[in-house]
């Protein structure tokens, strides 16, 4: 087995790949540069992802949107699940997520998951499938550890942590482009944690642009105390307006928690309580802005 160790927001994850899947680890090293660790230490309480690729097995490709799988769905889905069950213990409570050429199987609250990759008719998207399933797994694991992977850009502005939130196309990557690269924790998936009475934001390797750009070895250590939550609104004029915590909470929960729909009841309850605390503790604003750096003057 070949191994790759990731560190994201203080959480250590070990990917163990069989011989066939081991060929996918070098591209992952590029995608996760700045978040790699050479080997585990005695203090690491790592979660493990066992990665398998069966090139001899041709199965139906899933759609380009993560979906929860069930043996009740159809014969082909049951066939795929049976392939996974040969190596990973599956029960009614196992989270099974399909995406393109892969499936994530995870017994939530355990320390071990399984990603099964397969080929299909037409174009095979193995790296893309693996990257997305690792993203989903990270979001679930963070929620277990009382952290959240938020659909927002985490930026340092004047040494203060700011979380810019918005749907795809709202301008997260745009605002991230107006600060120094070293001050961008993520332009799309920022980790939020409460520790020592303070909310902090952490860097993550999941981005919309410059995904393969090489980062410094200690990039995973970047973090900041969170001072503002800012909801992005493109507009004709520039304005920063306070937002009440109830509407901030409603939008955050309904649209901006990565993989929230894939969480079980317990994790959703935990995420809800976390967001209630977050929105009650950190001031929220609506930022009306245009495509320029004028918004920085308001912060």
Protein backbone atom coordinates (compact mmCIF):
# COMPACT_ATOMS: atom_id res chain seq x y z
CA UNK A 1 0.00 0.00 0.00
CA UNK A 2 1.21 3.51 -0.84
CA UNK A 3 0.43 6.32 1.58
CA UNK A 4 -0.22 10.05 1.58
CA UNK A 5 -0.76 12.06 4.77
CA UNK A 6 -2.84 15.27 4.72
CA UNK A 7 -3.29 17.86 7.45
CA UNK A 8 -6.29 20.19 7.18
CA UNK A 9 -7.22 22.54 10.05
CA UNK A 10 -5.33 20.36 12.50
CA UNK A 11 -7.03 17.16 11.36
CA UNK A 12 -4.72 14.45 10.03
CA UNK A 13 -5.95 12.13 7.28
CA UNK A 14 -4.00 9.21 5.86
CA UNK A 15 -4.76 7.96 2.37
CA UNK A 16 -3.71 4.35 1.79
CA UNK A 17 -3.81 3.27 -1.85
CA UNK A 18 -3.53 -0.17 -3.41
CA UNK A 19 -1.11 -0.73 -6.29
CA UNK A 20 -3.49 0.45 -9.02
CA UNK A 21 -4.78 3.47 -7.09
CA UNK A 22 -1.23 4.35 -6.08
CA UNK A 23 -0.75 5.80 -9.56
CA UNK A 24 -3.19 8.57 -8.56
CA UNK A 25 -1.19 9.75 -5.56
CA UNK A 26 1.40 11.87 -7.44
CA UNK A 27 -1.31 14.14 -8.92
CA UNK A 28 -2.86 14.38 -5.44
CA UNK A 29 0.48 15.54 -4.07
CA UNK A 30 0.33 18.48 -6.45
CA UNK A 31 -3.30 19.28 -5.60
CA UNK A 32 -2.64 19.13 -1.86
CA UNK A 33 0.75 20.84 -1.74
CA UNK A 34 1.11 22.80 1.48
CA UNK A 35 -1.13 20.31 3.30
CA UNK A 36 1.15 17.25 3.25
CA UNK A 37 3.02 15.58 6.07
CA UNK A 38 5.92 13.17 5.49
CA UNK A 39 4.77 10.65 8.06
CA UNK A 40 2.52 10.23 11.07
CA UNK A 41 3.78 11.08 14.54
CA UNK A 42 2.84 9.41 17.80
CA UNK A 43 0.50 12.28 18.64
CA UNK A 44 -1.53 12.05 15.42
CA UNK A 45 -4.99 10.60 15.76
CA UNK A 46 -5.44 10.17 12.03
CA UNK A 47 -8.53 9.12 10.14
CA UNK A 48 -7.81 6.69 7.31
CA UNK A 49 -9.11 6.57 3.74
CA UNK A 50 -8.48 3.28 1.96
CA UNK A 51 -8.34 3.90 -1.78
CA UNK A 52 -8.96 1.18 -4.36
CA UNK A 53 -9.15 1.28 -8.13
CA UNK A 54 -10.46 -1.71 -10.06
CA UNK A 55 -9.55 -1.00 -13.65
CA UNK A 56 -10.93 -4.38 -14.74
CA UNK A 57 -14.41 -3.49 -13.51
CA UNK A 58 -16.65 -1.36 -15.75
CA UNK A 59 -19.62 0.24 -13.96
CA UNK A 60 -22.10 2.99 -14.66
CA UNK A 61 -20.78 6.49 -14.11
CA UNK A 62 -22.65 8.70 -11.63
CA UNK A 63 -23.75 12.27 -12.32
CA UNK A 64 -21.50 15.24 -11.62
CA UNK A 65 -23.17 15.95 -8.29
CA UNK A 66 -22.59 13.90 -5.12
CA UNK A 67 -25.60 11.70 -4.34
CA UNK A 68 -26.43 9.33 -1.50
CA UNK A 69 -26.62 5.73 -2.68
CA UNK A 70 -28.94 3.00 -1.50
CA UNK A 71 -29.34 -0.68 -2.35
CA UNK A 72 -33.02 0.12 -2.90
CA UNK A 73 -32.25 2.39 -5.85
CA UNK A 74 -31.54 -0.01 -8.74
CA UNK A 75 -29.64 -3.15 -9.74
CA UNK A 76 -26.53 -1.34 -10.98
CA UNK A 77 -26.19 0.68 -7.77
CA UNK A 78 -26.55 -2.53 -5.76
CA UNK A 79 -23.79 -4.08 -7.88
CA UNK A 80 -21.45 -1.19 -7.07
CA UNK A 81 -22.24 -1.38 -3.35
CA UNK A 82 -21.56 -5.12 -3.37
CA UNK A 83 -18.09 -4.44 -4.81
CA UNK A 84 -17.39 -2.08 -1.90
CA UNK A 85 -18.77 -4.50 0.70
CA UNK A 86 -16.04 -6.99 -0.17
CA UNK A 87 -13.50 -4.71 1.51
CA UNK A 88 -15.45 -2.36 3.77
CA UNK A 89 -18.15 -3.19 6.35
CA UNK A 90 -21.46 -1.72 5.19
CA UNK A 91 -24.64 -1.36 7.23
CA UNK A 92 -27.88 0.59 6.88
CA UNK A 93 -26.17 3.52 8.58
CA UNK A 94 -23.14 3.65 6.28
CA UNK A 95 -22.83 6.86 4.31
CA UNK A 96 -22.51 5.93 0.63
CA UNK A 97 -21.85 8.81 -1.78
CA UNK A 98 -21.49 8.39 -5.53
CA UNK A 99 -19.79 10.89 -7.82
CA UNK A 100 -18.71 10.26 -11.44
CA UNK A 101 -16.24 7.32 -11.36
CA UNK A 102 -16.17 6.77 -7.63
CA UNK A 103 -17.97 5.99 -4.38
CA UNK A 104 -17.19 7.07 -0.82
CA UNK A 105 -18.23 4.60 1.89
CA UNK A 106 -17.96 5.82 5.48
CA UNK A 107 -19.28 4.51 8.75
CA UNK A 108 -19.74 7.94 10.32
CA UNK A 109 -17.99 8.45 13.67
CA UNK A 110 -15.49 5.68 12.87
CA UNK A 111 -11.85 6.38 12.01
CA UNK A 112 -11.80 4.71 8.61
CA UNK A 113 -13.42 5.23 5.20
CA UNK A 114 -13.20 3.65 1.76
CA UNK A 115 -13.10 5.24 -1.69
CA UNK A 116 -13.73 2.88 -4.57
CA UNK A 117 -12.83 4.04 -8.10
CA UNK A 118 -13.89 2.29 -11.29
CA UNK A 119 -13.86 2.79 -15.02
CA UNK A 120 -16.96 3.32 -17.13
CA UNK A 121 -17.93 3.78 -20.75
CA UNK A 122 -16.73 7.01 -22.32
CA UNK A 123 -14.36 9.42 -20.60
CA UNK A 124 -13.13 8.37 -17.14
CA UNK A 125 -12.53 11.13 -14.61
CA UNK A 126 -10.59 9.40 -11.87
CA UNK A 127 -8.66 12.34 -10.38
CA UNK A 128 -11.75 14.57 -10.45
CA UNK A 129 -13.84 11.85 -8.81
CA UNK A 130 -11.24 11.23 -6.12
CA UNK A 131 -10.72 14.94 -5.40
CA UNK A 132 -14.46 15.54 -4.95
CA UNK A 133 -14.99 12.48 -2.75
CA UNK A 134 -12.07 13.53 -0.56
CA UNK A 135 -13.71 16.95 -0.34
CA UNK A 136 -17.00 15.37 0.81
CA UNK A 137 -15.17 13.18 3.32
CA UNK A 138 -13.30 16.20 4.71
CA UNK A 139 -16.56 18.10 5.20
CA UNK A 140 -18.11 15.18 7.10
CA UNK A 141 -15.04 14.62 9.27
CA UNK A 142 -14.84 18.33 10.11
CA UNK A 143 -18.47 18.30 11.24
CA UNK A 144 -17.71 15.31 13.49
CA UNK A 145 -14.94 17.33 15.11
CA UNK A 146 -17.11 20.39 15.74
CA UNK A 147 -15.66 22.26 12.76
CA UNK A 148 -17.39 23.27 9.55
CA UNK A 149 -16.24 23.48 5.95
CA UNK A 150 -18.01 26.62 4.78
CA UNK A 151 -18.71 27.68 1.18
CA UNK A 152 -16.85 30.94 1.60
CA UNK A 153 -13.56 32.73 1.08
CA UNK A 154 -11.42 33.10 4.18
CA UNK A 155 -9.28 36.22 3.87
CA UNK A 156 -6.87 38.11 6.08
CA UNK A 157 -7.49 41.85 5.79
CA UNK A 158 -5.40 44.10 8.02
CA UNK A 159 -4.43 40.97 9.97
CA UNK A 160 -8.08 40.19 10.76
CA UNK A 161 -10.01 37.11 9.68
CA UNK A 162 -12.96 37.72 7.36
CA UNK A 163 -15.31 35.10 5.93
CA UNK A 164 -16.84 36.15 2.61
CA UNK A 165 -19.90 34.06 1.83
CA UNK A 166 -21.88 33.72 -1.36
CA UNK A 167 -23.26 31.25 -3.87
CA UNK A 168 -21.22 30.27 -6.93
CA UNK A 169 -20.66 33.42 -8.99
CA UNK A 170 -21.31 35.79 -6.08
CA UNK A 171 -17.72 37.04 -6.10
CA UNK A 172 -15.73 35.01 -3.56
CA UNK A 173 -12.85 34.42 -5.95
CA UNK A 174 -13.11 38.03 -7.13
CA UNK A 175 -12.63 39.52 -3.65
CA UNK A 176 -9.86 36.99 -2.93
CA UNK A 177 -8.01 38.34 -5.96
CA UNK A 178 -7.70 41.78 -4.36
CA UNK A 179 -5.63 40.65 -1.36
CA UNK A 180 -2.13 39.18 -1.26
CA UNK A 181 -2.01 35.46 -2.06
CA UNK A 182 -0.51 34.70 1.33
CA UNK A 183 -3.61 36.26 2.93
CA UNK A 184 -6.03 33.88 1.17
CA UNK A 185 -6.87 30.86 3.34
CA UNK A 186 -9.29 29.53 0.72
CA UNK A 187 -11.43 31.14 -1.96
CA UNK A 188 -14.18 28.53 -1.75
CA UNK A 189 -13.97 26.19 1.25
CA UNK A 190 -12.78 27.66 4.54
CA UNK A 191 -12.75 25.68 7.78
CA UNK A 192 -14.33 27.36 10.82
CA UNK A 193 -13.70 26.17 14.37
CA UNK A 194 -14.50 27.44 17.85
CA UNK A 195 -11.60 26.98 20.22
CA UNK A 196 -10.82 28.67 23.51
CA UNK A 197 -13.96 30.79 23.23
CA UNK A 198 -12.88 32.21 19.86
CA UNK A 199 -13.98 31.36 16.34
CA UNK A 200 -11.08 30.82 13.96
CA UNK A 201 -10.85 30.27 10.24
CA UNK A 202 -8.30 27.87 8.72
CA UNK A 203 -6.82 27.35 5.29
CA UNK A 204 -7.92 24.42 3.15
CA UNK A 205 -6.61 22.95 -0.12
CA UNK A 206 -9.99 23.21 -1.83
CA UNK A 207 -10.16 26.17 -4.21
CA UNK A 208 -11.84 27.37 -7.38
CA UNK A 209 -8.72 28.79 -9.04
CA UNK A 210 -5.02 27.97 -8.95
CA UNK A 211 -5.85 24.48 -7.66
CA UNK A 212 -2.51 23.02 -8.75
CA UNK A 213 -0.43 25.99 -7.65
CA UNK A 214 2.42 24.89 -5.40
CA UNK A 215 2.09 26.19 -1.84
CA UNK A 216 4.61 26.46 0.95
CA UNK A 217 5.09 23.44 3.22
CA UNK A 218 3.41 25.16 6.17
CA UNK A 219 0.41 26.54 4.31
CA UNK A 220 -1.87 24.23 6.34
CA UNK A 221 -0.91 26.14 9.49
CA UNK A 222 -2.50 29.38 8.32
CA UNK A 223 -5.38 30.53 10.49
CA UNK A 224 -6.92 33.70 11.90
CA UNK A 225 -9.40 34.78 14.55
CA UNK A 226 -12.70 35.45 12.77
CA UNK A 227 -13.92 39.04 13.09
CA UNK A 228 -16.67 39.35 10.43
CA UNK A 229 -19.01 37.27 8.32
CA UNK A 230 -19.69 39.06 5.05
CA UNK A 231 -22.42 38.06 2.60
CA UNK A 232 -21.54 39.14 -0.93
CA UNK A 233 -24.07 41.06 -3.02
CA UNK A 234 -23.07 42.48 -6.38
CA UNK A 235 -24.52 45.95 -6.83
CA UNK A 236 -24.31 49.36 -8.46
CA UNK A 237 -22.97 51.08 -5.36
CA UNK A 238 -20.52 50.23 -2.60
CA UNK A 239 -21.98 49.63 0.85
CA UNK A 240 -21.43 47.53 3.97
CA UNK A 241 -24.66 47.01 5.90
CA UNK A 242 -25.14 45.15 9.20
CA UNK A 243 -27.22 42.01 8.92
CA UNK A 244 -29.36 40.51 11.66
CA UNK A 245 -28.14 37.17 12.98
CA UNK A 246 -31.38 35.31 12.25
CA UNK A 247 -31.30 35.93 8.50
CA UNK A 248 -27.54 35.28 8.49
CA UNK A 249 -28.14 31.93 10.18
CA UNK A 250 -30.92 31.00 7.76
CA UNK A 251 -28.79 31.69 4.68
CA UNK A 252 -25.67 30.08 6.12
CA UNK A 253 -27.45 26.83 6.97
CA UNK A 254 -29.56 26.55 3.85
CA UNK A 255 -26.85 27.36 1.29
CA UNK A 256 -23.31 27.53 2.56
CA UNK A 257 -22.33 24.50 4.66
CA UNK A 258 -20.49 22.07 2.41
CA UNK A 259 -22.04 18.56 2.34
CA UNK A 260 -24.75 19.50 4.86
CA UNK A 261 -27.35 17.53 2.85
CA UNK A 262 -25.18 14.40 3.11
CA UNK A 263 -24.88 14.52 6.91
CA UNK A 264 -26.90 12.28 9.20
CA UNK A 265 -29.34 13.69 11.74
CA UNK A 266 -26.77 13.89 14.53
CA UNK A 267 -24.24 15.80 12.42
CA UNK A 268 -26.90 18.16 11.07
CA UNK A 269 -27.98 18.96 14.64
CA UNK A 270 -24.37 19.60 15.62
CA UNK A 271 -23.85 21.84 12.56
CA UNK A 272 -27.06 23.74 13.34
CA UNK A 273 -25.97 24.42 16.93
CA UNK A 274 -22.50 25.47 15.74
CA UNK A 275 -23.99 27.95 13.26
CA UNK A 276 -26.36 29.36 15.90
CA UNK A 277 -23.38 30.06 18.14
CA UNK A 278 -21.35 31.44 15.25
CA UNK A 279 -24.01 33.91 14.09
CA UNK A 280 -24.73 35.00 17.66
CA UNK A 281 -21.03 35.63 18.35
CA UNK A 282 -19.64 37.08 15.11
CA UNK A 283 -21.18 40.17 13.46
CA UNK A 284 -22.59 39.66 9.96
CA UNK A 285 -22.79 42.16 7.11
CA UNK A 286 -24.07 42.43 3.57
CA UNK A 287 -21.40 43.78 1.24
CA UNK A 288 -22.68 45.45 -1.94
CA UNK A 289 -19.70 45.77 -4.24
CA UNK A 290 -18.42 46.02 -7.79
CA UNK A 291 -15.43 44.36 -9.45
CA UNK A 292 -12.75 46.53 -7.90
CA UNK A 293 -10.86 46.79 -4.61
CA UNK A 294 -13.02 49.60 -3.25
CA UNK A 295 -14.60 47.28 -0.68
CA UNK A 296 -11.27 47.07 1.18
CA UNK A 297 -11.72 50.67 2.34
CA UNK A 298 -14.85 49.61 4.24
CA UNK A 299 -12.99 46.95 6.19
